[in-house]
């Protein structure tokens, strides 16, 4: 009987194209790590010695700027890879990975990944595609910051989060992890005051329901109109 995580891992970009037997071998060479809320899988500046795939929970990927400002870059959910810099020649992690709730992840050391790529060369091509995807994503984020007004950036951010972690409720689509207004300010490159003003405006328009660390999207199409600057 196949390992229960085989099909999930086959959907992870790095492992695309592997057989069930190969995925089971991949699983056997890794190990599971669990972190409580607030625990770190790795810190910015730590040696980049492991590639990880989140199995359960939520992880916040953030960075401290040279000026000491904390920036939340992404929040990821189950079966998302992180720590991909360990697949390259990078010596340290450029970001930190903090558990937003009790979270579990598979971890493979650099040595394990080297042995796997020698046994399954398709992993090398997949790794290039994975890294290229990260570059493209951050280029898109940079373009948003450089060219889009804050309302569009915030709408796009909420829609991305809902797509990855959304949970249907009677009120609408709940972004299913603690999300503060400061988090949203960091993710969209703006101020807490601006985020509070926009969320209050959208709440009065019936687009969202906003709480202390909660956002429910009542009308996703309304946010799509804002994100895509449709009339």
Protein backbone atom coordinates (compact mmCIF):
# COMPACT_ATOMS: atom_id res chain seq x y z
CA UNK A 1 0.00 0.00 0.00
CA UNK A 2 1.37 3.40 -1.03
CA UNK A 3 2.38 5.97 1.58
CA UNK A 4 -0.56 8.35 2.26
CA UNK A 5 1.48 11.40 1.25
CA UNK A 6 2.57 10.09 -2.16
CA UNK A 7 -0.11 11.77 -4.26
CA UNK A 8 0.28 15.09 -2.43
CA UNK A 9 4.03 15.14 -3.00
CA UNK A 10 3.61 14.24 -6.67
CA UNK A 11 1.81 17.58 -7.05
CA UNK A 12 4.78 19.50 -5.64
CA UNK A 13 6.70 21.02 -8.55
CA UNK A 14 10.07 19.55 -7.61
CA UNK A 15 8.67 16.02 -7.70
CA UNK A 16 6.59 16.26 -10.88
CA UNK A 17 7.02 13.23 -13.13
CA UNK A 18 8.20 10.83 -10.43
CA UNK A 19 6.61 7.40 -10.06
CA UNK A 20 4.95 6.16 -6.88
CA UNK A 21 8.03 4.04 -6.10
CA UNK A 22 10.33 7.04 -6.61
CA UNK A 23 8.18 9.28 -4.40
CA UNK A 24 8.21 6.65 -1.68
CA UNK A 25 12.02 6.65 -1.88
CA UNK A 26 11.98 10.46 -1.64
CA UNK A 27 9.84 10.21 1.51
CA UNK A 28 12.21 7.65 3.04
CA UNK A 29 15.17 10.02 2.69
CA UNK A 30 13.49 12.96 4.40
CA UNK A 31 12.15 13.46 7.90
CA UNK A 32 9.21 15.28 9.46
CA UNK A 33 9.66 18.43 11.51
CA UNK A 34 6.93 19.93 13.69
CA UNK A 35 6.84 23.51 14.98
CA UNK A 36 4.39 25.15 17.34
CA UNK A 37 2.93 28.57 16.54
CA UNK A 38 5.75 31.10 16.65
CA UNK A 39 8.45 28.47 16.11
CA UNK A 40 10.90 28.80 13.22
CA UNK A 41 11.81 26.18 10.64
CA UNK A 42 14.78 28.42 9.83
CA UNK A 43 15.88 32.00 10.38
CA UNK A 44 17.16 34.55 7.89
CA UNK A 45 20.94 34.11 7.75
CA UNK A 46 20.92 30.47 8.88
CA UNK A 47 22.95 28.02 6.72
CA UNK A 48 20.72 26.91 3.82
CA UNK A 49 21.08 23.22 4.56
CA UNK A 50 17.57 21.83 3.96
CA UNK A 51 14.73 21.94 1.42
CA UNK A 52 11.25 21.65 2.93
CA UNK A 53 7.65 20.95 1.93
CA UNK A 54 4.85 21.98 4.29
CA UNK A 55 2.54 19.09 5.18
CA UNK A 56 0.09 20.82 7.53
CA UNK A 57 -0.44 24.22 9.09
CA UNK A 58 0.58 27.67 7.83
CA UNK A 59 4.03 29.25 7.54
CA UNK A 60 4.91 32.94 7.33
CA UNK A 61 7.88 33.77 5.10
CA UNK A 62 9.42 37.10 6.07
CA UNK A 63 12.56 39.17 5.90
CA UNK A 64 14.32 41.83 7.98
CA UNK A 65 15.67 44.70 5.88
CA UNK A 66 19.12 46.23 6.53
CA UNK A 67 17.24 49.09 8.23
CA UNK A 68 15.63 46.63 10.65
CA UNK A 69 12.15 46.71 9.12
CA UNK A 70 10.23 43.42 9.16
CA UNK A 71 8.49 42.51 5.91
CA UNK A 72 6.01 39.65 5.49
CA UNK A 73 6.52 38.29 1.98
CA UNK A 74 4.20 35.30 1.77
CA UNK A 75 2.02 32.99 3.80
CA UNK A 76 2.02 29.38 2.57
CA UNK A 77 -0.27 26.42 3.17
CA UNK A 78 0.07 22.63 2.95
CA UNK A 79 2.08 21.03 0.13
CA UNK A 80 3.97 24.21 -0.66
CA UNK A 81 7.78 23.95 -0.91
CA UNK A 82 10.02 26.44 0.90
CA UNK A 83 13.72 26.83 1.57
CA UNK A 84 14.36 26.23 -2.15
CA UNK A 85 17.62 28.19 -1.97
CA UNK A 86 19.09 24.98 -0.49
CA UNK A 87 18.76 23.44 -3.96
CA UNK A 88 21.21 26.00 -5.33
CA UNK A 89 24.60 27.16 -4.13
CA UNK A 90 23.20 29.71 -1.71
CA UNK A 91 24.98 29.54 1.63
CA UNK A 92 22.28 31.11 3.82
CA UNK A 93 18.51 31.52 3.83
CA UNK A 94 17.52 35.03 2.66
CA UNK A 95 14.23 34.81 4.61
CA UNK A 96 12.80 33.35 7.82
CA UNK A 97 10.07 30.68 7.97
CA UNK A 98 7.82 31.00 11.03
CA UNK A 99 4.93 28.68 11.88
CA UNK A 100 1.70 30.70 12.08
CA UNK A 101 0.04 27.72 13.81
CA UNK A 102 1.08 24.17 14.69
CA UNK A 103 2.79 23.10 11.45
CA UNK A 104 4.57 20.03 10.11
CA UNK A 105 6.95 19.81 7.18
CA UNK A 106 9.10 17.27 5.37
CA UNK A 107 12.76 18.25 5.37
CA UNK A 108 15.56 16.99 3.14
CA UNK A 109 19.20 17.87 3.79
CA UNK A 110 21.43 19.15 1.00
CA UNK A 111 23.20 15.81 1.00
CA UNK A 112 19.92 13.92 0.63
CA UNK A 113 18.83 16.17 -2.25
CA UNK A 114 22.18 15.66 -4.02
CA UNK A 115 21.78 11.89 -3.75
CA UNK A 116 18.19 12.11 -5.03
CA UNK A 117 19.15 14.19 -8.07
CA UNK A 118 21.89 11.71 -8.96
CA UNK A 119 19.34 8.90 -8.81
CA UNK A 120 16.52 10.89 -10.49
CA UNK A 121 17.97 13.50 -12.88
CA UNK A 122 14.50 14.91 -13.68
CA UNK A 123 14.72 16.63 -10.28
CA UNK A 124 17.41 18.95 -11.67
CA UNK A 125 15.10 20.23 -14.39
CA UNK A 126 12.25 20.53 -11.91
CA UNK A 127 14.49 22.49 -9.54
CA UNK A 128 15.30 25.00 -12.29
CA UNK A 129 11.59 25.42 -13.02
CA UNK A 130 10.85 25.86 -9.31
CA UNK A 131 13.49 28.55 -8.89
CA UNK A 132 12.36 30.30 -12.10
CA UNK A 133 8.81 30.32 -10.75
CA UNK A 134 9.99 32.04 -7.55
CA UNK A 135 11.85 34.67 -9.58
CA UNK A 136 8.77 35.30 -11.72
CA UNK A 137 6.58 35.63 -8.62
CA UNK A 138 8.84 38.20 -7.00
CA UNK A 139 9.16 40.11 -10.27
CA UNK A 140 5.37 40.30 -10.36
CA UNK A 141 5.27 41.49 -6.75
CA UNK A 142 7.89 44.15 -7.55
CA UNK A 143 5.86 45.29 -10.56
CA UNK A 144 2.78 45.61 -8.36
CA UNK A 145 4.69 47.70 -5.83
CA UNK A 146 6.17 49.93 -8.52
CA UNK A 147 3.11 50.52 -10.68
CA UNK A 148 -0.16 49.77 -8.88
CA UNK A 149 -2.10 51.89 -6.43
CA UNK A 150 -2.47 50.44 -2.94
CA UNK A 151 -6.09 49.34 -3.39
CA UNK A 152 -5.14 47.09 -6.31
CA UNK A 153 -2.17 45.62 -4.41
CA UNK A 154 -4.29 44.91 -1.35
CA UNK A 155 -7.09 43.32 -3.39
CA UNK A 156 -4.58 41.11 -5.22
CA UNK A 157 -2.95 40.08 -1.93
CA UNK A 158 -6.27 39.13 -0.32
CA UNK A 159 -7.30 37.12 -3.39
CA UNK A 160 -3.96 35.25 -3.40
CA UNK A 161 -4.31 34.43 0.28
CA UNK A 162 -7.91 33.31 -0.18
CA UNK A 163 -6.92 31.04 -3.07
CA UNK A 164 -4.25 29.34 -0.93
CA UNK A 165 -5.92 29.24 2.48
CA UNK A 166 -9.58 30.15 1.92
CA UNK A 167 -12.36 28.40 3.81
CA UNK A 168 -16.02 28.81 2.91
CA UNK A 169 -18.23 30.11 5.72
CA UNK A 170 -21.78 31.46 5.92
CA UNK A 171 -20.41 35.00 5.69
CA UNK A 172 -18.05 34.36 2.78
CA UNK A 173 -14.49 33.12 2.17
CA UNK A 174 -12.44 33.20 5.36
CA UNK A 175 -8.67 33.64 5.03
CA UNK A 176 -8.03 30.77 7.38
CA UNK A 177 -5.15 31.89 9.60
CA UNK A 178 -4.45 34.86 11.90
CA UNK A 179 -3.88 37.90 9.66
CA UNK A 180 -3.33 41.33 11.19
CA UNK A 181 -3.56 44.67 9.44
CA UNK A 182 0.16 45.11 10.08
CA UNK A 183 0.75 41.83 8.17
CA UNK A 184 -1.20 43.23 5.21
CA UNK A 185 0.73 46.51 5.38
CA UNK A 186 4.03 44.61 5.18
CA UNK A 187 2.82 42.40 2.31
CA UNK A 188 1.61 45.36 0.24
CA UNK A 189 4.38 47.86 1.00
CA UNK A 190 2.23 50.49 2.65
CA UNK A 191 1.29 51.83 6.08
CA UNK A 192 -0.97 50.44 8.79
CA UNK A 193 -3.09 53.61 8.57
CA UNK A 194 -3.66 53.14 4.82
CA UNK A 195 -4.60 49.46 5.23
CA UNK A 196 -7.05 50.30 8.03
CA UNK A 197 -8.66 53.02 5.92
CA UNK A 198 -9.10 50.79 2.86
CA UNK A 199 -10.42 47.81 4.84
CA UNK A 200 -12.92 50.04 6.65
CA UNK A 201 -14.08 51.43 3.31
CA UNK A 202 -14.46 47.95 1.80
CA UNK A 203 -16.30 46.75 4.88
CA UNK A 204 -18.81 49.61 4.60
CA UNK A 205 -19.30 48.63 0.94
CA UNK A 206 -20.02 45.02 1.94
CA UNK A 207 -16.96 43.58 0.18
CA UNK A 208 -15.32 42.13 3.30
CA UNK A 209 -15.74 41.51 7.01
CA UNK A 210 -12.64 42.51 8.94
CA UNK A 211 -11.71 41.60 12.51
CA UNK A 212 -8.63 41.98 14.71
CA UNK A 213 -6.74 39.15 12.97
CA UNK A 214 -9.41 38.00 10.55
CA UNK A 215 -10.59 38.83 7.04
CA UNK A 216 -13.67 37.33 5.37
CA UNK A 217 -14.21 38.11 1.70
CA UNK A 218 -17.94 38.48 1.15
CA UNK A 219 -17.80 39.36 -2.55
CA UNK A 220 -14.65 37.99 -4.24
CA UNK A 221 -15.76 39.35 -7.62
CA UNK A 222 -15.75 42.85 -6.16
CA UNK A 223 -12.10 42.43 -5.19
CA UNK A 224 -11.31 41.02 -8.65
CA UNK A 225 -12.73 44.20 -10.19
CA UNK A 226 -10.46 46.30 -7.96
CA UNK A 227 -7.37 44.06 -8.46
CA UNK A 228 -7.69 44.10 -12.24
CA UNK A 229 -8.73 47.77 -12.35
CA UNK A 230 -11.95 46.95 -14.20
CA UNK A 231 -14.66 49.54 -14.63
